N, C-alpha and C. Protein backbone atom coordinates (compact mmCIF):
# COMPACT_ATOMS: atom_id res chain seq x y z
N MET A 1 74.45 79.21 54.69
CA MET A 1 73.96 78.62 53.48
C MET A 1 74.92 78.84 52.31
N GLU A 2 75.55 80.00 52.32
CA GLU A 2 76.49 80.30 51.26
C GLU A 2 77.67 79.35 51.29
N GLY A 3 78.04 78.88 52.46
CA GLY A 3 79.17 77.96 52.60
C GLY A 3 78.88 76.60 51.97
N LEU A 4 77.65 76.16 52.01
CA LEU A 4 77.28 74.87 51.43
C LEU A 4 77.26 74.93 49.90
N LYS A 5 76.88 76.04 49.36
CA LYS A 5 76.84 76.18 47.91
C LYS A 5 78.25 76.15 47.32
N ASN A 6 79.19 76.67 48.00
CA ASN A 6 80.56 76.72 47.50
C ASN A 6 81.34 75.45 47.81
N ASP A 7 80.84 74.63 48.75
CA ASP A 7 81.55 73.40 49.12
C ASP A 7 81.20 72.30 48.11
N THR A 8 82.15 71.89 47.27
CA THR A 8 81.91 70.89 46.22
C THR A 8 82.50 69.52 46.56
N SER A 9 82.94 69.29 47.77
CA SER A 9 83.56 68.01 48.12
C SER A 9 82.53 66.87 48.10
N GLY A 10 81.28 67.16 48.28
CA GLY A 10 80.24 66.12 48.23
C GLY A 10 80.01 65.61 46.82
N GLN A 11 80.30 66.41 45.81
CA GLN A 11 80.15 65.97 44.43
C GLN A 11 81.14 64.86 44.10
N TRP A 12 82.32 64.94 44.66
CA TRP A 12 83.32 63.89 44.42
C TRP A 12 82.88 62.57 45.04
N ILE A 13 82.24 62.64 46.17
CA ILE A 13 81.73 61.41 46.80
C ILE A 13 80.63 60.80 45.95
N LEU A 14 79.73 61.65 45.45
CA LEU A 14 78.66 61.17 44.59
C LEU A 14 79.20 60.60 43.28
N LEU A 15 80.17 61.28 42.68
CA LEU A 15 80.77 60.80 41.44
C LEU A 15 81.52 59.49 41.66
N SER A 16 82.19 59.34 42.77
CA SER A 16 82.90 58.09 43.09
C SER A 16 81.90 56.96 43.30
N GLY A 17 80.80 57.26 43.96
CA GLY A 17 79.76 56.24 44.18
C GLY A 17 79.15 55.78 42.86
N LEU A 18 78.92 56.71 41.94
CA LEU A 18 78.39 56.37 40.62
C LEU A 18 79.38 55.51 39.83
N ALA A 19 80.66 55.86 39.90
CA ALA A 19 81.69 55.09 39.19
C ALA A 19 81.78 53.67 39.76
N ILE A 20 81.72 53.54 41.05
CA ILE A 20 81.77 52.21 41.68
C ILE A 20 80.53 51.40 41.31
N ALA A 21 79.37 52.00 41.27
CA ALA A 21 78.13 51.31 40.89
C ALA A 21 78.21 50.81 39.45
N ILE A 22 78.71 51.65 38.54
CA ILE A 22 78.85 51.23 37.15
C ILE A 22 79.85 50.08 37.04
N ALA A 23 80.95 50.14 37.77
CA ALA A 23 81.94 49.07 37.75
C ALA A 23 81.35 47.76 38.26
N LEU A 24 80.56 47.82 39.33
CA LEU A 24 79.93 46.61 39.87
C LEU A 24 78.92 46.01 38.89
N VAL A 25 78.15 46.85 38.22
CA VAL A 25 77.19 46.35 37.23
C VAL A 25 77.95 45.69 36.07
N THR A 26 79.04 46.31 35.62
CA THR A 26 79.84 45.74 34.53
C THR A 26 80.42 44.38 34.94
N ILE A 27 80.95 44.28 36.12
CA ILE A 27 81.50 43.00 36.60
C ILE A 27 80.40 41.94 36.70
N ALA A 28 79.23 42.33 37.18
CA ALA A 28 78.13 41.37 37.29
C ALA A 28 77.70 40.86 35.90
N VAL A 29 77.64 41.75 34.93
CA VAL A 29 77.26 41.33 33.57
C VAL A 29 78.32 40.40 32.97
N LEU A 30 79.59 40.70 33.15
CA LEU A 30 80.66 39.85 32.63
C LEU A 30 80.64 38.47 33.28
N LEU A 31 80.43 38.42 34.58
CA LEU A 31 80.36 37.12 35.26
C LEU A 31 79.16 36.31 34.79
N ASN A 32 78.06 36.98 34.55
CA ASN A 32 76.87 36.29 34.05
C ASN A 32 77.14 35.72 32.66
N GLN A 33 77.81 36.47 31.80
CA GLN A 33 78.15 35.99 30.46
C GLN A 33 79.09 34.78 30.53
N ALA A 34 80.04 34.81 31.45
CA ALA A 34 80.95 33.68 31.61
C ALA A 34 80.19 32.43 32.04
N ASN A 35 79.23 32.60 32.94
CA ASN A 35 78.42 31.45 33.37
C ASN A 35 77.60 30.89 32.21
N LEU A 36 77.00 31.76 31.41
CA LEU A 36 76.19 31.30 30.28
C LEU A 36 77.06 30.60 29.23
N ASN A 37 78.24 31.15 28.96
CA ASN A 37 79.13 30.50 27.99
C ASN A 37 79.57 29.13 28.48
N GLY A 38 79.88 29.01 29.75
CA GLY A 38 80.24 27.71 30.31
C GLY A 38 79.11 26.72 30.21
N TYR A 39 77.90 27.17 30.46
CA TYR A 39 76.73 26.29 30.37
C TYR A 39 76.53 25.80 28.94
N TYR A 40 76.58 26.71 27.97
CA TYR A 40 76.32 26.32 26.59
C TYR A 40 77.43 25.42 26.02
N SER A 41 78.68 25.69 26.38
CA SER A 41 79.75 24.82 25.88
C SER A 41 79.67 23.44 26.52
N ALA A 42 79.32 23.35 27.79
CA ALA A 42 79.17 22.05 28.44
C ALA A 42 77.97 21.30 27.86
N ASP A 43 76.91 22.02 27.57
CA ASP A 43 75.73 21.39 26.99
C ASP A 43 76.02 20.84 25.59
N THR A 44 76.81 21.55 24.83
CA THR A 44 77.19 21.09 23.49
C THR A 44 78.07 19.85 23.58
N ALA A 45 79.00 19.85 24.53
CA ALA A 45 79.88 18.68 24.69
C ALA A 45 79.09 17.45 25.12
N ILE A 46 78.11 17.63 25.96
CA ILE A 46 77.29 16.51 26.41
C ILE A 46 76.38 16.02 25.28
N GLY A 47 75.90 16.93 24.44
CA GLY A 47 74.99 16.56 23.37
C GLY A 47 75.65 15.89 22.18
N PHE A 48 76.99 15.96 22.07
CA PHE A 48 77.67 15.35 20.93
C PHE A 48 77.67 13.83 21.08
N PRO A 49 77.19 13.11 20.08
CA PRO A 49 77.01 11.66 20.22
C PRO A 49 78.27 10.85 19.90
N LYS A 50 79.39 11.19 20.53
CA LYS A 50 80.64 10.49 20.19
C LYS A 50 80.57 9.01 20.54
N ASP A 51 79.88 8.68 21.63
CA ASP A 51 79.78 7.26 22.00
C ASP A 51 78.95 6.49 20.98
N ASP A 52 77.89 7.10 20.48
CA ASP A 52 77.07 6.44 19.46
C ASP A 52 77.88 6.20 18.18
N ILE A 53 78.66 7.20 17.78
CA ILE A 53 79.48 7.07 16.58
C ILE A 53 80.56 6.02 16.79
N ARG A 54 81.20 6.07 17.95
CA ARG A 54 82.26 5.09 18.24
C ARG A 54 81.69 3.67 18.28
N GLU A 55 80.52 3.52 18.88
CA GLU A 55 79.88 2.20 18.94
C GLU A 55 79.51 1.69 17.54
N LEU A 56 79.00 2.58 16.69
CA LEU A 56 78.66 2.21 15.32
C LEU A 56 79.90 1.75 14.56
N LYS A 57 81.01 2.49 14.70
CA LYS A 57 82.23 2.12 13.99
C LYS A 57 82.79 0.80 14.50
N LEU A 58 82.79 0.58 15.81
CA LEU A 58 83.30 -0.68 16.36
C LEU A 58 82.45 -1.86 15.91
N GLN A 59 81.14 -1.69 15.95
CA GLN A 59 80.25 -2.76 15.52
C GLN A 59 80.43 -3.05 14.03
N THR A 60 80.63 -2.00 13.24
CA THR A 60 80.84 -2.17 11.81
C THR A 60 82.15 -2.93 11.55
N HIS A 61 83.17 -2.64 12.33
CA HIS A 61 84.44 -3.36 12.19
C HIS A 61 84.26 -4.85 12.50
N GLU A 62 83.52 -5.14 13.56
CA GLU A 62 83.28 -6.54 13.93
C GLU A 62 82.48 -7.26 12.84
N VAL A 63 81.44 -6.62 12.35
CA VAL A 63 80.59 -7.24 11.33
C VAL A 63 81.36 -7.41 10.02
N ALA A 64 82.21 -6.45 9.68
CA ALA A 64 83.01 -6.57 8.45
C ALA A 64 83.95 -7.77 8.54
N GLY A 65 84.54 -7.99 9.71
CA GLY A 65 85.40 -9.16 9.88
C GLY A 65 84.63 -10.45 9.74
N THR A 66 83.46 -10.52 10.36
CA THR A 66 82.61 -11.71 10.25
C THR A 66 82.13 -11.90 8.81
N ALA A 67 81.73 -10.81 8.17
CA ALA A 67 81.26 -10.88 6.79
C ALA A 67 82.37 -11.36 5.86
N ALA A 68 83.60 -10.93 6.10
CA ALA A 68 84.73 -11.36 5.28
C ALA A 68 84.96 -12.86 5.44
N ASP A 69 84.86 -13.34 6.69
CA ASP A 69 85.03 -14.79 6.93
C ASP A 69 83.93 -15.58 6.22
N ILE A 70 82.70 -15.11 6.33
CA ILE A 70 81.57 -15.81 5.69
C ILE A 70 81.72 -15.79 4.17
N ALA A 71 82.05 -14.63 3.62
CA ALA A 71 82.18 -14.51 2.16
C ALA A 71 83.33 -15.37 1.64
N TYR A 72 84.43 -15.41 2.37
CA TYR A 72 85.57 -16.22 1.94
C TYR A 72 85.22 -17.72 2.01
N SER A 73 84.52 -18.12 3.07
CA SER A 73 84.10 -19.53 3.20
C SER A 73 83.13 -19.92 2.09
N GLU A 74 82.16 -19.06 1.80
CA GLU A 74 81.21 -19.35 0.73
C GLU A 74 81.89 -19.41 -0.62
N ASN A 75 82.90 -18.59 -0.81
CA ASN A 75 83.65 -18.61 -2.06
C ASN A 75 84.39 -19.93 -2.22
N GLN A 76 84.90 -20.47 -1.13
CA GLN A 76 85.65 -21.72 -1.19
C GLN A 76 84.73 -22.92 -1.41
N THR A 77 83.49 -22.85 -0.89
CA THR A 77 82.59 -24.01 -0.97
C THR A 77 81.60 -23.94 -2.12
N SER A 78 81.13 -22.76 -2.48
CA SER A 78 80.06 -22.71 -3.48
C SER A 78 80.39 -21.84 -4.69
N ASN A 79 81.60 -21.36 -4.77
CA ASN A 79 82.01 -20.50 -5.88
C ASN A 79 81.20 -19.21 -5.99
N GLN A 80 80.52 -18.82 -4.92
CA GLN A 80 79.87 -17.50 -4.91
C GLN A 80 80.99 -16.47 -4.77
N SER A 81 80.91 -15.40 -5.54
CA SER A 81 82.00 -14.43 -5.49
C SER A 81 82.06 -13.77 -4.11
N ILE A 82 83.27 -13.41 -3.72
CA ILE A 82 83.47 -12.77 -2.42
C ILE A 82 82.74 -11.45 -2.37
N ASP A 83 82.74 -10.73 -3.48
CA ASP A 83 82.07 -9.43 -3.52
C ASP A 83 80.57 -9.56 -3.25
N VAL A 84 79.94 -10.57 -3.84
CA VAL A 84 78.50 -10.79 -3.63
C VAL A 84 78.23 -11.17 -2.17
N GLY A 85 79.06 -12.05 -1.62
CA GLY A 85 78.88 -12.46 -0.22
C GLY A 85 79.04 -11.31 0.74
N LEU A 86 80.08 -10.50 0.55
CA LEU A 86 80.28 -9.33 1.41
C LEU A 86 79.14 -8.35 1.27
N SER A 87 78.72 -8.11 0.05
CA SER A 87 77.63 -7.16 -0.20
C SER A 87 76.34 -7.62 0.48
N THR A 88 76.05 -8.92 0.40
CA THR A 88 74.82 -9.44 1.02
C THR A 88 74.83 -9.26 2.54
N VAL A 89 75.92 -9.65 3.17
CA VAL A 89 76.00 -9.55 4.63
C VAL A 89 76.00 -8.09 5.08
N MET A 90 76.76 -7.24 4.41
CA MET A 90 76.83 -5.83 4.81
C MET A 90 75.52 -5.10 4.56
N ASP A 91 74.80 -5.46 3.50
CA ASP A 91 73.48 -4.85 3.25
C ASP A 91 72.49 -5.26 4.34
N SER A 92 72.55 -6.51 4.75
CA SER A 92 71.68 -6.97 5.83
C SER A 92 72.01 -6.23 7.13
N TYR A 93 73.29 -6.08 7.41
CA TYR A 93 73.73 -5.34 8.60
C TYR A 93 73.24 -3.89 8.53
N ASN A 94 73.35 -3.27 7.36
CA ASN A 94 72.91 -1.89 7.19
C ASN A 94 71.42 -1.74 7.49
N GLU A 95 70.62 -2.65 6.98
CA GLU A 95 69.17 -2.58 7.24
C GLU A 95 68.87 -2.71 8.73
N GLN A 96 69.54 -3.63 9.40
CA GLN A 96 69.29 -3.84 10.83
C GLN A 96 69.74 -2.64 11.67
N VAL A 97 70.91 -2.09 11.35
CA VAL A 97 71.41 -0.97 12.13
C VAL A 97 70.58 0.30 11.88
N GLN A 98 70.04 0.46 10.67
CA GLN A 98 69.18 1.61 10.40
C GLN A 98 67.92 1.56 11.26
N VAL A 99 67.34 0.38 11.41
CA VAL A 99 66.14 0.24 12.24
C VAL A 99 66.46 0.55 13.71
N LEU A 100 67.59 0.03 14.19
CA LEU A 100 67.97 0.26 15.59
C LEU A 100 68.22 1.74 15.89
N TYR A 101 68.96 2.40 15.03
CA TYR A 101 69.27 3.81 15.27
C TYR A 101 68.06 4.72 15.00
N ALA A 102 67.18 4.31 14.11
CA ALA A 102 65.98 5.11 13.85
C ALA A 102 65.08 5.16 15.08
N ALA A 103 65.12 4.13 15.91
CA ALA A 103 64.34 4.14 17.14
C ALA A 103 64.81 5.23 18.10
N HIS A 104 66.06 5.69 17.94
CA HIS A 104 66.60 6.76 18.77
C HIS A 104 66.56 8.11 18.06
N GLY A 105 65.95 8.16 16.88
CA GLY A 105 65.85 9.41 16.13
C GLY A 105 67.11 9.75 15.36
N GLU A 106 67.89 8.74 15.01
CA GLU A 106 69.14 8.97 14.28
C GLU A 106 69.11 8.21 12.97
N PHE A 107 69.80 8.76 11.97
CA PHE A 107 69.91 8.09 10.68
C PHE A 107 71.33 7.57 10.52
N VAL A 108 71.44 6.30 10.14
CA VAL A 108 72.73 5.65 9.96
C VAL A 108 72.71 4.94 8.61
N ASP A 109 73.82 5.05 7.89
CA ASP A 109 73.96 4.32 6.63
C ASP A 109 75.37 3.75 6.58
N VAL A 110 75.46 2.43 6.43
CA VAL A 110 76.73 1.74 6.27
C VAL A 110 76.71 1.11 4.89
N GLU A 111 77.42 1.70 3.97
CA GLU A 111 77.39 1.26 2.58
C GLU A 111 78.68 0.53 2.24
N TYR A 112 78.55 -0.73 1.79
CA TYR A 112 79.70 -1.52 1.38
C TYR A 112 80.20 -1.01 0.04
N MET A 113 81.52 -0.79 -0.06
CA MET A 113 82.09 -0.27 -1.31
C MET A 113 82.86 -1.36 -2.07
N LYS A 114 83.91 -1.89 -1.46
CA LYS A 114 84.73 -2.90 -2.12
C LYS A 114 85.60 -3.60 -1.09
N TYR A 115 86.36 -4.58 -1.55
CA TYR A 115 87.33 -5.24 -0.69
C TYR A 115 88.65 -5.33 -1.44
N THR A 116 89.71 -5.51 -0.69
CA THR A 116 91.02 -5.73 -1.30
C THR A 116 91.56 -7.05 -0.78
N LYS A 117 92.32 -7.71 -1.61
CA LYS A 117 92.89 -9.01 -1.23
C LYS A 117 94.24 -8.82 -0.55
N GLU A 118 94.51 -9.75 0.32
CA GLU A 118 95.81 -9.78 0.97
C GLU A 118 96.61 -10.91 0.34
N ASN A 119 97.66 -10.56 -0.33
CA ASN A 119 98.47 -11.57 -1.02
C ASN A 119 99.69 -11.91 -0.17
N ASN A 120 99.77 -13.16 0.20
CA ASN A 120 100.99 -13.64 0.85
C ASN A 120 101.33 -15.01 0.28
N SER A 121 102.34 -15.61 0.78
CA SER A 121 102.83 -16.84 0.16
C SER A 121 101.92 -18.04 0.39
N THR A 122 101.12 -18.02 1.47
CA THR A 122 100.31 -19.19 1.78
C THR A 122 98.96 -19.18 1.09
N ASN A 123 98.26 -18.05 1.10
CA ASN A 123 96.94 -18.01 0.47
C ASN A 123 96.58 -16.58 0.09
N THR A 124 95.50 -16.47 -0.63
CA THR A 124 94.96 -15.16 -0.98
C THR A 124 93.65 -14.99 -0.23
N SER A 125 93.63 -14.07 0.72
CA SER A 125 92.42 -13.86 1.52
C SER A 125 92.05 -12.39 1.49
N ILE A 126 90.97 -12.07 2.13
CA ILE A 126 90.48 -10.69 2.18
C ILE A 126 91.35 -9.91 3.15
N GLY A 127 91.89 -8.80 2.70
CA GLY A 127 92.75 -7.97 3.55
C GLY A 127 92.03 -6.78 4.14
N GLN A 128 91.25 -6.08 3.32
CA GLN A 128 90.56 -4.88 3.76
C GLN A 128 89.16 -4.84 3.18
N VAL A 129 88.25 -4.30 3.96
CA VAL A 129 86.89 -4.04 3.49
C VAL A 129 86.67 -2.53 3.57
N TRP A 130 86.20 -1.95 2.48
CA TRP A 130 85.95 -0.52 2.41
C TRP A 130 84.46 -0.26 2.52
N VAL A 131 84.06 0.57 3.47
CA VAL A 131 82.66 0.95 3.65
C VAL A 131 82.57 2.47 3.84
N ASN A 132 81.41 3.01 3.56
CA ASN A 132 81.09 4.40 3.88
C ASN A 132 80.15 4.40 5.07
N VAL A 133 80.53 5.12 6.12
CA VAL A 133 79.71 5.19 7.33
C VAL A 133 79.17 6.61 7.45
N THR A 134 77.85 6.74 7.56
CA THR A 134 77.21 8.05 7.72
C THR A 134 76.32 8.01 8.95
N PHE A 135 76.43 9.05 9.78
CA PHE A 135 75.63 9.17 11.00
C PHE A 135 75.03 10.57 11.03
N LEU A 136 73.72 10.66 11.19
CA LEU A 136 73.03 11.95 11.27
C LEU A 136 72.04 11.92 12.42
N ASN A 137 72.03 12.98 13.21
CA ASN A 137 70.94 13.20 14.15
C ASN A 137 70.56 14.68 14.08
N ALA A 138 69.77 15.15 15.00
CA ALA A 138 69.27 16.52 14.91
C ALA A 138 70.40 17.55 14.98
N ASP A 139 71.49 17.23 15.67
CA ASP A 139 72.56 18.20 15.88
C ASP A 139 73.85 17.89 15.14
N THR A 140 74.09 16.63 14.82
CA THR A 140 75.40 16.22 14.36
C THR A 140 75.32 15.49 13.02
N SER A 141 76.28 15.79 12.18
CA SER A 141 76.43 15.08 10.91
C SER A 141 77.85 14.53 10.87
N TYR A 142 77.98 13.20 10.75
CA TYR A 142 79.29 12.56 10.71
C TYR A 142 79.35 11.65 9.50
N SER A 143 80.46 11.71 8.80
CA SER A 143 80.62 10.86 7.63
C SER A 143 82.07 10.41 7.55
N SER A 144 82.27 9.12 7.33
CA SER A 144 83.59 8.56 7.16
C SER A 144 83.60 7.83 5.82
N LYS A 145 84.17 8.48 4.82
CA LYS A 145 84.14 7.92 3.47
C LYS A 145 85.54 7.97 2.89
N PRO A 146 86.19 6.89 2.67
CA PRO A 146 85.83 5.53 3.03
C PRO A 146 86.37 5.18 4.42
N GLU A 147 85.74 4.27 5.06
CA GLU A 147 86.22 3.66 6.30
C GLU A 147 86.89 2.36 5.88
N ILE A 148 88.19 2.29 6.01
CA ILE A 148 88.95 1.11 5.57
C ILE A 148 89.17 0.22 6.79
N ILE A 149 88.64 -1.00 6.70
CA ILE A 149 88.67 -1.92 7.82
C ILE A 149 89.62 -3.07 7.51
N GLU A 150 90.61 -3.25 8.35
CA GLU A 150 91.55 -4.35 8.20
C GLU A 150 90.90 -5.61 8.75
N VAL A 151 90.73 -6.62 7.89
CA VAL A 151 90.10 -7.86 8.33
C VAL A 151 91.00 -9.08 8.13
N GLY A 152 92.17 -8.85 7.59
CA GLY A 152 93.08 -9.97 7.32
C GLY A 152 93.60 -10.57 8.61
N PRO A 153 94.22 -11.74 8.50
CA PRO A 153 94.72 -12.41 9.69
C PRO A 153 95.85 -11.70 10.39
């Protein structure tokens, strides 16, 4: 019995086992944290509405071009100012797009600011339309002020 009390080699085995257990628990916790971080970053990337914003901007560019054509034509035929024509069409577009995006729980505002003329030797036409585009949903706030849209030929 006296020989077992003086033999301490078993303590090293126990201490090594404890150190290995602590190391394994630490590695397991770190791996779990890496998995959670990957999940949350992927979830954030999926939740960002970049396609909605891109679609809104592309549609706004198309409508601004059409509105410029309409406003320029009305100015040539009825002497209605280009600014009034652009403002009317863009305000109508803003109302329609607000209703469409509100159905998805998003707020959109496309505010017409001004236009610039394109001066060349043949005619004076609309060169750029300036608008403010705002997009808000529960997670994202996007604002492009001013969004300068080239509509000239």
